[in-house]
């Protein structure tokens, strides 16, 4: 891996960590929905507090895949869970059933990537509470 790639990956990880640990107000049991920042909302992510369901959807046939993360901190550890919708636009979305304690603040991030190892772009982040 080249030094430049390592530097970029380190910067992305540091940014994701900063977003995850940043404080922000949120109401108890809030659902979270966020779209990518591209002009066509090519990707979307959602967290439903009731049942702790995390979903990532590719909304546009543009050759990109939707790549999301959900993060939270509990008494045991910090978590940053990835999820992608890589089967093309308007098919089934990626979905994970999680176990997150009540009242825990969650951070949901969505990006678009060109392939499994593509650079994340058009990222957006939003917070809510399980």
Protein backbone atom coordinates (compact mmCIF):
# COMPACT_ATOMS: atom_id res chain seq x y z
CA UNK A 1 0.00 0.00 0.00
CA UNK A 2 1.49 3.36 -0.96
CA UNK A 3 2.10 6.11 1.55
CA UNK A 4 -0.52 8.30 -0.14
CA UNK A 5 -3.21 5.60 0.11
CA UNK A 6 -2.30 4.99 3.77
CA UNK A 7 -2.48 8.74 4.46
CA UNK A 8 -5.90 9.07 2.79
CA UNK A 9 -7.23 6.00 4.60
CA UNK A 10 -5.92 7.34 7.90
CA UNK A 11 -7.60 10.70 7.29
CA UNK A 12 -10.91 8.99 6.46
CA UNK A 13 -10.71 6.87 9.60
CA UNK A 14 -9.86 9.90 11.74
CA UNK A 15 -12.80 11.82 10.25
CA UNK A 16 -15.19 8.95 10.85
CA UNK A 17 -13.96 8.63 14.43
CA UNK A 18 -14.39 12.36 15.02
CA UNK A 19 -17.97 12.22 13.72
CA UNK A 20 -18.73 9.15 15.82
CA UNK A 21 -17.45 10.66 19.06
CA UNK A 22 -18.71 14.22 18.52
CA UNK A 23 -21.43 15.27 20.92
CA UNK A 24 -24.81 16.26 19.60
CA UNK A 25 -28.34 16.47 20.93
CA UNK A 26 -30.84 13.78 20.05
CA UNK A 27 -34.22 12.70 21.36
CA UNK A 28 -34.76 9.23 22.81
CA UNK A 29 -35.74 6.56 20.31
CA UNK A 30 -35.35 8.66 17.16
CA UNK A 31 -35.29 7.16 13.68
CA UNK A 32 -32.51 8.46 11.41
CA UNK A 33 -32.62 8.85 7.62
CA UNK A 34 -29.86 10.40 5.52
CA UNK A 35 -29.23 10.74 1.76
CA UNK A 36 -25.92 11.13 -0.04
CA UNK A 37 -25.02 14.68 -1.09
CA UNK A 38 -24.82 14.02 -4.84
CA UNK A 39 -27.44 15.87 -6.97
CA UNK A 40 -29.52 12.69 -7.43
CA UNK A 41 -29.52 11.24 -3.88
CA UNK A 42 -27.89 8.09 -5.23
CA UNK A 43 -27.68 6.42 -1.83
CA UNK A 44 -29.61 6.45 1.42
CA UNK A 45 -29.24 4.99 4.88
CA UNK A 46 -31.73 4.60 7.67
CA UNK A 47 -31.88 3.48 11.27
CA UNK A 48 -35.20 2.49 12.82
CA UNK A 49 -34.97 2.76 16.60
CA UNK A 50 -37.79 0.26 17.22
CA UNK A 51 -35.97 -3.03 16.62
CA UNK A 52 -32.58 -1.37 15.85
CA UNK A 53 -32.68 -2.00 12.08
CA UNK A 54 -29.96 -0.41 9.91
CA UNK A 55 -30.59 -0.19 6.14
CA UNK A 56 -28.46 1.02 3.20
CA UNK A 57 -29.99 1.50 -0.28
CA UNK A 58 -28.55 2.19 -3.73
CA UNK A 59 -31.14 4.46 -5.38
CA UNK A 60 -29.61 5.15 -8.78
CA UNK A 61 -28.21 3.08 -11.66
CA UNK A 62 -24.99 5.09 -11.89
CA UNK A 63 -22.35 2.37 -11.51
CA UNK A 64 -21.74 3.35 -7.88
CA UNK A 65 -22.64 1.38 -4.75
CA UNK A 66 -24.15 2.72 -1.54
CA UNK A 67 -21.81 2.27 1.41
CA UNK A 68 -22.94 3.05 4.93
CA UNK A 69 -21.81 2.80 8.52
CA UNK A 70 -23.56 3.02 11.84
CA UNK A 71 -21.64 3.79 14.99
CA UNK A 72 -22.32 3.95 18.71
CA UNK A 73 -20.51 3.76 22.02
CA UNK A 74 -21.76 1.61 24.87
CA UNK A 75 -20.28 0.45 28.17
CA UNK A 76 -18.36 -2.36 26.43
CA UNK A 77 -16.83 -0.71 23.35
CA UNK A 78 -17.19 1.69 20.47
CA UNK A 79 -18.79 0.21 17.34
CA UNK A 80 -18.51 1.24 13.67
CA UNK A 81 -20.49 -1.28 11.61
CA UNK A 82 -20.28 -1.22 7.78
CA UNK A 83 -23.09 -2.15 5.39
CA UNK A 84 -23.27 -1.90 1.59
CA UNK A 85 -25.90 -2.24 -1.09
CA UNK A 86 -23.81 -3.59 -3.95
CA UNK A 87 -26.43 -5.45 -6.03
CA UNK A 88 -27.46 -2.48 -8.18
CA UNK A 89 -30.07 0.22 -7.92
CA UNK A 90 -33.69 -0.44 -7.02
CA UNK A 91 -33.09 -4.02 -5.84
CA UNK A 92 -33.21 -5.12 -2.25
CA UNK A 93 -31.35 -2.87 0.17
CA UNK A 94 -28.63 -4.00 2.57
CA UNK A 95 -30.09 -4.60 6.02
CA UNK A 96 -28.75 -5.44 9.49
CA UNK A 97 -30.64 -6.18 12.67
CA UNK A 98 -28.54 -4.80 15.52
CA UNK A 99 -28.67 -4.90 19.29
CA UNK A 100 -28.18 -1.38 20.68
CA UNK A 101 -29.21 -0.34 24.17
CA UNK A 102 -32.02 2.15 24.73
CA UNK A 103 -30.93 5.78 24.83
CA UNK A 104 -27.58 5.18 23.09
CA UNK A 105 -26.68 7.86 20.52
CA UNK A 106 -26.07 6.42 17.05
CA UNK A 107 -24.30 8.01 14.08
CA UNK A 108 -25.40 6.98 10.58
CA UNK A 109 -23.17 7.68 7.58
CA UNK A 110 -23.90 7.09 3.88
CA UNK A 111 -21.52 7.44 0.92
CA UNK A 112 -21.25 6.32 -2.69
CA UNK A 113 -18.28 4.26 -3.89
CA UNK A 114 -17.10 3.04 -7.27
CA UNK A 115 -16.63 -0.65 -6.47
CA UNK A 116 -15.68 -2.41 -3.25
CA UNK A 117 -12.41 -0.51 -2.86
CA UNK A 118 -13.53 2.82 -4.32
CA UNK A 119 -13.01 6.11 -2.54
CA UNK A 120 -16.11 7.19 -0.59
CA UNK A 121 -17.78 10.31 -2.03
CA UNK A 122 -20.92 12.38 -1.51
CA UNK A 123 -20.94 11.36 2.17
CA UNK A 124 -23.51 12.58 4.68
CA UNK A 125 -23.94 11.89 8.39
CA UNK A 126 -26.81 12.17 10.84
CA UNK A 127 -27.40 11.26 14.51
CA UNK A 128 -30.27 9.79 16.47
CA UNK A 129 -30.89 7.64 19.53
CA UNK A 130 -31.73 3.97 19.91
